[in-house]
């Protein structure tokens, strides 16, 4: 397994969440989610960082995003219960 595979899975989950929320979320929430997806894609595709640095940067950034988007946190919790 690629060491960045969990981060790629996270990115896939965020993209799926974006699709699920497209009609229900406020425009600001969708915009922040788009920005988060773009930032994570940028980090993952960068050759500037080691795999460990990528993990650290993605998780740190994701934490910042989640603090600002409690509705996404609630949705992720809901999906994790399935």
PDB file of N, CA and C in Angstrom:
ATOM      1  N   UNK A   1       0.848  -1.182   0.000  1.00  0.00           N
ATOM      2  CA  UNK A   1       0.000   0.000   0.000  1.00  0.00           C
ATOM      3  C   UNK A   1       0.890   1.240   0.000  1.00  0.00           C
ATOM      4  N   UNK A   2       0.536   2.197  -0.814  1.00  0.00           N
ATOM      5  CA  UNK A   2       1.238   3.474  -0.867  1.00  0.00           C
ATOM      6  C   UNK A   2       1.040   4.184   0.468  1.00  0.00           C
ATOM      7  N   UNK A   3       2.101   4.823   0.955  1.00  0.00           N
ATOM      8  CA  UNK A   3       1.995   5.454   2.269  1.00  0.00           C
ATOM      9  C   UNK A   3       1.047   6.642   2.272  1.00  0.00           C
ATOM     10  N   UNK A   4       0.725   7.181   1.095  1.00  0.00           N
ATOM     11  CA  UNK A   4      -0.227   8.294   1.024  1.00  0.00           C
ATOM     12  C   UNK A   4      -1.636   7.831   0.673  1.00  0.00           C
ATOM     13  N   UNK A   5      -1.841   6.545   0.620  1.00  0.00           N
ATOM     14  CA  UNK A   5      -3.157   6.017   0.249  1.00  0.00           C
ATOM     15  C   UNK A   5      -4.266   6.491   1.189  1.00  0.00           C
ATOM     16  N   UNK A   6      -4.051   6.508   2.514  1.00  0.00           N
ATOM     17  CA  UNK A   6      -5.125   7.021   3.386  1.00  0.00           C
ATOM     18  C   UNK A   6      -5.471   8.484   3.100  1.00  0.00           C
ATOM     19  N   UNK A   7      -4.479   9.283   2.732  1.00  0.00           N
ATOM     20  CA  UNK A   7      -4.746  10.679   2.402  1.00  0.00           C
ATOM     21  C   UNK A   7      -5.524  10.792   1.101  1.00  0.00           C
ATOM     22  N   UNK A   8      -5.226   9.921   0.150  1.00  0.00           N
ATOM     23  CA  UNK A   8      -5.984   9.908  -1.100  1.00  0.00           C
ATOM     24  C   UNK A   8      -7.427   9.462  -0.842  1.00  0.00           C
ATOM     25  N   UNK A   9      -7.584   8.505   0.072  1.00  0.00           N
ATOM     26  CA  UNK A   9      -8.944   8.079   0.457  1.00  0.00           C
ATOM     27  C   UNK A   9      -9.699   9.234   1.108  1.00  0.00           C
ATOM     28  N   UNK A  10      -9.009  10.000   1.939  1.00  0.00           N
ATOM     29  CA  UNK A  10      -9.613  11.172   2.564  1.00  0.00           C
ATOM     30  C   UNK A  10     -10.066  12.170   1.509  1.00  0.00           C
ATOM     31  N   UNK A  11      -9.228  12.398   0.534  1.00  0.00           N
ATOM     32  CA  UNK A  11      -9.563  13.314  -0.556  1.00  0.00           C
ATOM     33  C   UNK A  11     -10.790  12.812  -1.311  1.00  0.00           C
ATOM     34  N   UNK A  12     -10.834  11.530  -1.598  1.00  0.00           N
ATOM     35  CA  UNK A  12     -12.006  10.942  -2.268  1.00  0.00           C
ATOM     36  C   UNK A  12     -13.271  11.132  -1.429  1.00  0.00           C
ATOM     37  N   UNK A  13     -13.141  10.975  -0.118  1.00  0.00           N
ATOM     38  CA  UNK A  13     -14.280  11.147   0.780  1.00  0.00           C
ATOM     39  C   UNK A  13     -14.770  12.587   0.760  1.00  0.00           C
ATOM     40  N   UNK A  14     -13.842  13.542   0.799  1.00  0.00           N
ATOM     41  CA  UNK A  14     -14.234  14.951   0.736  1.00  0.00           C
ATOM     42  C   UNK A  14     -14.924  15.284  -0.583  1.00  0.00           C
ATOM     43  N   UNK A  15     -14.434  14.698  -1.671  1.00  0.00           N
ATOM     44  CA  UNK A  15     -15.055  14.945  -2.972  1.00  0.00           C
ATOM     45  C   UNK A  15     -16.459  14.343  -3.021  1.00  0.00           C
ATOM     46  N   UNK A  16     -16.628  13.170  -2.444  1.00  0.00           N
ATOM     47  CA  UNK A  16     -17.963  12.552  -2.389  1.00  0.00           C
ATOM     48  C   UNK A  16     -18.893  13.376  -1.502  1.00  0.00           C
ATOM     49  N   UNK A  17     -18.359  13.859  -0.402  1.00  0.00           N
ATOM     50  CA  UNK A  17     -19.146  14.704   0.495  1.00  0.00           C
ATOM     51  C   UNK A  17     -19.586  15.976  -0.211  1.00  0.00           C
ATOM     52  N   UNK A  18     -18.704  16.543  -0.991  1.00  0.00           N
ATOM     53  CA  UNK A  18     -19.043  17.746  -1.766  1.00  0.00           C
ATOM     54  C   UNK A  18     -20.221  17.462  -2.690  1.00  0.00           C
ATOM     55  N   UNK A  19     -20.203  16.317  -3.337  1.00  0.00           N
ATOM     56  CA  UNK A  19     -21.294  15.966  -4.246  1.00  0.00           C
ATOM     57  C   UNK A  19     -22.601  15.763  -3.480  1.00  0.00           C
ATOM     58  N   UNK A  20     -22.516  15.153  -2.313  1.00  0.00           N
ATOM     59  CA  UNK A  20     -23.709  14.919  -1.501  1.00  0.00           C
ATOM     60  C   UNK A  20     -24.297  16.230  -0.984  1.00  0.00           C
ATOM     61  N   UNK A  21     -23.435  17.192  -0.734  1.00  0.00           N
ATOM     62  CA  UNK A  21     -23.864  18.453  -0.128  1.00  0.00           C
ATOM     63  C   UNK A  21     -24.223  19.521  -1.158  1.00  0.00           C
ATOM     64  N   UNK A  22     -24.087  19.241  -2.412  1.00  0.00           N
ATOM     65  CA  UNK A  22     -24.197  20.287  -3.438  1.00  0.00           C
ATOM     66  C   UNK A  22     -25.500  21.075  -3.382  1.00  0.00           C
ATOM     67  N   UNK A  23     -26.589  20.442  -3.002  1.00  0.00           N
ATOM     68  CA  UNK A  23     -27.872  21.136  -2.954  1.00  0.00           C
ATOM     69  C   UNK A  23     -28.235  21.610  -1.550  1.00  0.00           C
ATOM     70  N   UNK A  24     -27.648  21.006  -0.530  1.00  0.00           N
ATOM     71  CA  UNK A  24     -28.059  21.292   0.839  1.00  0.00           C
ATOM     72  C   UNK A  24     -27.191  22.325   1.550  1.00  0.00           C
ATOM     73  N   UNK A  25     -25.946  22.428   1.165  1.00  0.00           N
ATOM     74  CA  UNK A  25     -25.021  23.293   1.899  1.00  0.00           C
ATOM     75  C   UNK A  25     -25.101  24.739   1.422  1.00  0.00           C
ATOM     76  N   UNK A  26     -24.763  25.622   2.318  1.00  0.00           N
ATOM     77  CA  UNK A  26     -24.681  27.038   1.980  1.00  0.00           C
ATOM     78  C   UNK A  26     -23.489  27.254   1.049  1.00  0.00           C
ATOM     79  N   UNK A  27     -23.544  28.287   0.208  1.00  0.00           N
ATOM     80  CA  UNK A  27     -22.443  28.550  -0.722  1.00  0.00           C
ATOM     81  C   UNK A  27     -21.089  28.688  -0.030  1.00  0.00           C
ATOM     82  N   UNK A  28     -21.051  29.301   1.148  1.00  0.00           N
ATOM     83  CA  UNK A  28     -19.782  29.453   1.861  1.00  0.00           C
ATOM     84  C   UNK A  28     -19.179  28.122   2.268  1.00  0.00           C
ATOM     85  N   UNK A  29     -20.032  27.194   2.634  1.00  0.00           N
ATOM     86  CA  UNK A  29     -19.568  25.859   3.016  1.00  0.00           C
ATOM     87  C   UNK A  29     -19.002  25.142   1.790  1.00  0.00           C
ATOM     88  N   UNK A  30     -19.716  25.214   0.694  1.00  0.00           N
ATOM     89  CA  UNK A  30     -19.231  24.582  -0.542  1.00  0.00           C
ATOM     90  C   UNK A  30     -17.908  25.188  -0.986  1.00  0.00           C
ATOM     91  N   UNK A  31     -17.788  26.502  -0.856  1.00  0.00           N
ATOM     92  CA  UNK A  31     -16.561  27.176  -1.270  1.00  0.00           C
ATOM     93  C   UNK A  31     -15.378  26.725  -0.403  1.00  0.00           C
ATOM     94  N   UNK A  32     -15.585  26.649   0.889  1.00  0.00           N
ATOM     95  CA  UNK A  32     -14.505  26.197   1.782  1.00  0.00           C
ATOM     96  C   UNK A  32     -14.140  24.745   1.505  1.00  0.00           C
ATOM     97  N   UNK A  33     -15.115  23.939   1.195  1.00  0.00           N
ATOM     98  CA  UNK A  33     -14.837  22.547   0.867  1.00  0.00           C
ATOM     99  C   UNK A  33     -14.047  22.455  -0.432  1.00  0.00           C
ATOM    100  N   UNK A  34     -14.415  23.255  -1.425  1.00  0.00           N
ATOM    101  CA  UNK A  34     -13.649  23.300  -2.675  1.00  0.00           C
ATOM    102  C   UNK A  34     -12.204  23.710  -2.414  1.00  0.00           C
ATOM    103  N   UNK A  35     -12.027  24.735  -1.579  1.00  0.00           N
ATOM    104  CA  UNK A  35     -10.686  25.204  -1.253  1.00  0.00           C
ATOM    105  C   UNK A  35      -9.886  24.120  -0.541  1.00  0.00           C
ATOM    106  N   UNK A  36     -10.525  23.410   0.357  1.00  0.00           N
ATOM    107  CA  UNK A  36      -9.855  22.334   1.081  1.00  0.00           C
ATOM    108  C   UNK A  36      -9.420  21.226   0.131  1.00  0.00           C
ATOM    109  N   UNK A  37     -10.297  20.847  -0.775  1.00  0.00           N
ATOM    110  CA  UNK A  37      -9.974  19.802  -1.748  1.00  0.00           C
ATOM    111  C   UNK A  37      -8.792  20.232  -2.609  1.00  0.00           C
ATOM    112  N   UNK A  38      -8.819  21.468  -3.086  1.00  0.00           N
ATOM    113  CA  UNK A  38      -7.717  21.967  -3.917  1.00  0.00           C
ATOM    114  C   UNK A  38      -6.404  21.990  -3.150  1.00  0.00           C
ATOM    115  N   UNK A  39      -6.439  22.442  -1.906  1.00  0.00           N
ATOM    116  CA  UNK A  39      -5.229  22.516  -1.089  1.00  0.00           C
ATOM    117  C   UNK A  39      -4.669  21.122  -0.829  1.00  0.00           C
ATOM    118  N   UNK A  40      -5.529  20.175  -0.497  1.00  0.00           N
ATOM    119  CA  UNK A  40      -5.069  18.808  -0.240  1.00  0.00           C
ATOM    120  C   UNK A  40      -4.498  18.192  -1.510  1.00  0.00           C
ATOM    121  N   UNK A  41      -5.144  18.425  -2.650  1.00  0.00           N
ATOM    122  CA  UNK A  41      -4.606  17.929  -3.921  1.00  0.00           C
ATOM    123  C   UNK A  41      -3.225  18.514  -4.183  1.00  0.00           C
ATOM    124  N   UNK A  42      -3.074  19.795  -3.900  1.00  0.00           N
ATOM    125  CA  UNK A  42      -1.794  20.468  -4.107  1.00  0.00           C
ATOM    126  C   UNK A  42      -0.706  19.864  -3.219  1.00  0.00           C
ATOM    127  N   UNK A  43      -1.030  19.626  -1.968  1.00  0.00           N
ATOM    128  CA  UNK A  43      -0.053  19.036  -1.052  1.00  0.00           C
ATOM    129  C   UNK A  43       0.331  17.633  -1.518  1.00  0.00           C
ATOM    130  N   UNK A  44      -0.659  16.834  -1.875  1.00  0.00           N
ATOM    131  CA  UNK A  44      -0.387  15.450  -2.269  1.00  0.00           C
ATOM    132  C   UNK A  44       0.423  15.350  -3.559  1.00  0.00           C
ATOM    133  N   UNK A  45       0.236  16.303  -4.454  1.00  0.00           N
ATOM    134  CA  UNK A  45       0.960  16.239  -5.728  1.00  0.00           C
ATOM    135  C   UNK A  45       2.331  16.910  -5.664  1.00  0.00           C
ATOM    136  N   UNK A  46       2.626  17.587  -4.564  1.00  0.00           N
ATOM    137  CA  UNK A  46       3.890  18.301  -4.416  1.00  0.00           C
ATOM    138  C   UNK A  46       5.054  17.332  -4.250  1.00  0.00           C
ATOM    139  N   UNK A  47       6.142  17.652  -4.890  1.00  0.00           N
ATOM    140  CA  UNK A  47       7.379  16.883  -4.705  1.00  0.00           C
ATOM    141  C   UNK A  47       8.262  17.555  -3.660  1.00  0.00           C
ATOM    142  N   UNK A  48       7.780  18.651  -3.140  1.00  0.00           N
ATOM    143  CA  UNK A  48       8.535  19.448  -2.172  1.00  0.00           C
ATOM    144  C   UNK A  48       8.566  18.797  -0.787  1.00  0.00           C
ATOM    145  N   UNK A  49       7.567  17.963  -0.470  1.00  0.00           N
ATOM    146  CA  UNK A  49       7.434  17.400   0.861  1.00  0.00           C
ATOM    147  C   UNK A  49       7.638  15.891   0.853  1.00  0.00           C
ATOM    148  N   UNK A  50       8.180  15.390   1.966  1.00  0.00           N
ATOM    149  CA  UNK A  50       8.266  13.940   2.142  1.00  0.00           C
ATOM    150  C   UNK A  50       6.856  13.418   2.450  1.00  0.00           C
ATOM    151  N   UNK A  51       6.690  12.108   2.432  1.00  0.00           N
ATOM    152  CA  UNK A  51       5.386  11.524   2.734  1.00  0.00           C
ATOM    153  C   UNK A  51       4.920  11.921   4.141  1.00  0.00           C
ATOM    154  N   UNK A  52       5.841  11.916   5.095  1.00  0.00           N
ATOM    155  CA  UNK A  52       5.465  12.294   6.456  1.00  0.00           C
ATOM    156  C   UNK A  52       5.063  13.759   6.533  1.00  0.00           C
ATOM    157  N   UNK A  53       5.767  14.616   5.809  1.00  0.00           N
ATOM    158  CA  UNK A  53       5.408  16.034   5.790  1.00  0.00           C
ATOM    159  C   UNK A  53       4.047  16.243   5.138  1.00  0.00           C
ATOM    160  N   UNK A  54       3.770  15.483   4.099  1.00  0.00           N
ATOM    161  CA  UNK A  54       2.462  15.583   3.439  1.00  0.00           C
ATOM    162  C   UNK A  54       1.354  15.212   4.410  1.00  0.00           C
ATOM    163  N   UNK A  55       1.550  14.114   5.136  1.00  0.00           N
ATOM    164  CA  UNK A  55       0.549  13.687   6.112  1.00  0.00           C
ATOM    165  C   UNK A  55       0.318  14.774   7.155  1.00  0.00           C
ATOM    166  N   UNK A  56       1.391  15.303   7.666  1.00  0.00           N
ATOM    167  CA  UNK A  56       1.296  16.327   8.704  1.00  0.00           C
ATOM    168  C   UNK A  56       0.586  17.574   8.181  1.00  0.00           C
ATOM    169  N   UNK A  57       0.944  18.024   6.990  1.00  0.00           N
ATOM    170  CA  UNK A  57       0.344  19.226   6.416  1.00  0.00           C
ATOM    171  C   UNK A  57      -1.144  19.020   6.114  1.00  0.00           C
ATOM    172  N   UNK A  58      -1.478  17.873   5.538  1.00  0.00           N
ATOM    173  CA  UNK A  58      -2.885  17.603   5.209  1.00  0.00           C
ATOM    174  C   UNK A  58      -3.722  17.536   6.478  1.00  0.00           C
ATOM    175  N   UNK A  59      -3.245  16.820   7.486  1.00  0.00           N
ATOM    176  CA  UNK A  59      -4.024  16.684   8.712  1.00  0.00           C
ATOM    177  C   UNK A  59      -4.144  18.006   9.455  1.00  0.00           C
ATOM    178  N   UNK A  60      -3.088  18.790   9.453  1.00  0.00           N
ATOM    179  CA  UNK A  60      -3.142  20.106  10.082  1.00  0.00           C
ATOM    180  C   UNK A  60      -4.142  21.004   9.360  1.00  0.00           C
ATOM    181  N   UNK A  61      -4.060  21.013   8.047  1.00  0.00           N
ATOM    182  CA  UNK A  61      -4.979  21.833   7.259  1.00  0.00           C
ATOM    183  C   UNK A  61      -6.416  21.355   7.433  1.00  0.00           C
ATOM    184  N   UNK A  62      -6.605  20.059   7.426  1.00  0.00           N
ATOM    185  CA  UNK A  62      -7.953  19.506   7.595  1.00  0.00           C
ATOM    186  C   UNK A  62      -8.538  19.901   8.947  1.00  0.00           C
ATOM    187  N   UNK A  63      -7.716  19.894   9.980  1.00  0.00           N
ATOM    188  CA  UNK A  63      -8.179  20.331  11.293  1.00  0.00           C
ATOM    189  C   UNK A  63      -8.649  21.772  11.278  1.00  0.00           C
ATOM    190  N   UNK A  64      -7.913  22.625  10.586  1.00  0.00           N
ATOM    191  CA  UNK A  64      -8.307  24.032  10.480  1.00  0.00           C
ATOM    192  C   UNK A  64      -9.634  24.167   9.745  1.00  0.00           C
ATOM    193  N   UNK A  65      -9.798  23.404   8.682  1.00  0.00           N
ATOM    194  CA  UNK A  65     -11.034  23.456   7.898  1.00  0.00           C
ATOM    195  C   UNK A  65     -12.212  22.959   8.727  1.00  0.00           C
ATOM    196  N   UNK A  66     -12.026  21.867   9.443  1.00  0.00           N
ATOM    197  CA  UNK A  66     -13.106  21.293  10.235  1.00  0.00           C
ATOM    198  C   UNK A  66     -13.549  22.224  11.351  1.00  0.00           C
ATOM    199  N   UNK A  67     -12.602  22.970  11.906  1.00  0.00           N
ATOM    200  CA  UNK A  67     -12.973  23.944  12.940  1.00  0.00           C
ATOM    201  C   UNK A  67     -13.921  25.000  12.394  1.00  0.00           C
ATOM    202  N   UNK A  68     -13.771  25.307  11.126  1.00  0.00           N
ATOM    203  CA  UNK A  68     -14.579  26.351  10.505  1.00  0.00           C
ATOM    204  C   UNK A  68     -15.879  25.819   9.911  1.00  0.00           C
ATOM    205  N   UNK A  69     -15.952  24.517   9.772  1.00  0.00           N
ATOM    206  CA  UNK A  69     -17.121  23.927   9.120  1.00  0.00           C
ATOM    207  C   UNK A  69     -17.733  22.824   9.982  1.00  0.00           C
ATOM    208  N   UNK A  70     -18.368  23.189  11.083  1.00  0.00           N
ATOM    209  CA  UNK A  70     -18.931  22.152  11.955  1.00  0.00           C
ATOM    210  C   UNK A  70     -19.978  21.291  11.262  1.00  0.00           C
ATOM    211  N   UNK A  71     -20.647  21.822  10.260  1.00  0.00           N
ATOM    212  CA  UNK A  71     -21.651  21.008   9.565  1.00  0.00           C
ATOM    213  C   UNK A  71     -20.997  19.841   8.840  1.00  0.00           C
ATOM    214  N   UNK A  72     -19.784  20.022   8.326  1.00  0.00           N
ATOM    215  CA  UNK A  72     -19.076  18.926   7.667  1.00  0.00           C
ATOM    216  C   UNK A  72     -18.663  17.882   8.695  1.00  0.00           C
ATOM    217  N   UNK A  73     -18.219  18.333   9.854  1.00  0.00           N
ATOM    218  CA  UNK A  73     -17.852  17.406  10.915  1.00  0.00           C
ATOM    219  C   UNK A  73     -19.052  16.548  11.285  1.00  0.00           C
ATOM    220  N   UNK A  74     -20.214  17.168  11.424  1.00  0.00           N
ATOM    221  CA  UNK A  74     -21.412  16.414  11.766  1.00  0.00           C
ATOM    222  C   UNK A  74     -21.769  15.398  10.679  1.00  0.00           C
ATOM    223  N   UNK A  75     -21.623  15.782   9.422  1.00  0.00           N
ATOM    224  CA  UNK A  75     -21.905  14.850   8.328  1.00  0.00           C
ATOM    225  C   UNK A  75     -20.930  13.687   8.330  1.00  0.00           C
ATOM    226  N   UNK A  76     -19.644  13.978   8.553  1.00  0.00           N
ATOM    227  CA  UNK A  76     -18.657  12.904   8.599  1.00  0.00           C
ATOM    228  C   UNK A  76     -18.942  11.933   9.734  1.00  0.00           C
ATOM    229  N   UNK A  77     -19.363  12.467  10.866  1.00  0.00           N
ATOM    230  CA  UNK A  77     -19.735  11.604  11.991  1.00  0.00           C
ATOM    231  C   UNK A  77     -20.926  10.722  11.613  1.00  0.00           C
ATOM    232  N   UNK A  78     -21.896  11.317  10.926  1.00  0.00           N
ATOM    233  CA  UNK A  78     -23.083  10.584  10.510  1.00  0.00           C
ATOM    234  C   UNK A  78     -22.683   9.444   9.551  1.00  0.00           C
ATOM    235  N   UNK A  79     -21.803   9.735   8.577  1.00  0.00           N
ATOM    236  CA  UNK A  79     -21.389   8.719   7.622  1.00  0.00           C
ATOM    237  C   UNK A  79     -20.568   7.618   8.291  1.00  0.00           C
ATOM    238  N   UNK A  80     -19.796   7.980   9.319  1.00  0.00           N
ATOM    239  CA  UNK A  80     -18.960   6.989   9.987  1.00  0.00           C
ATOM    240  C   UNK A  80     -19.799   5.993  10.789  1.00  0.00           C
ATOM    241  N   UNK A  81     -21.034   6.358  11.097  1.00  0.00           N
ATOM    242  CA  UNK A  81     -21.910   5.448  11.846  1.00  0.00           C
ATOM    243  C   UNK A  81     -22.476   4.333  10.979  1.00  0.00           C
ATOM    244  N   UNK A  82     -22.346   4.449   9.664  1.00  0.00           N
ATOM    245  CA  UNK A  82     -22.900   3.416   8.772  1.00  0.00           C
ATOM    246  C   UNK A  82     -22.028   2.202   8.725  1.00  0.00           C
TER     247      UNK A  82
END
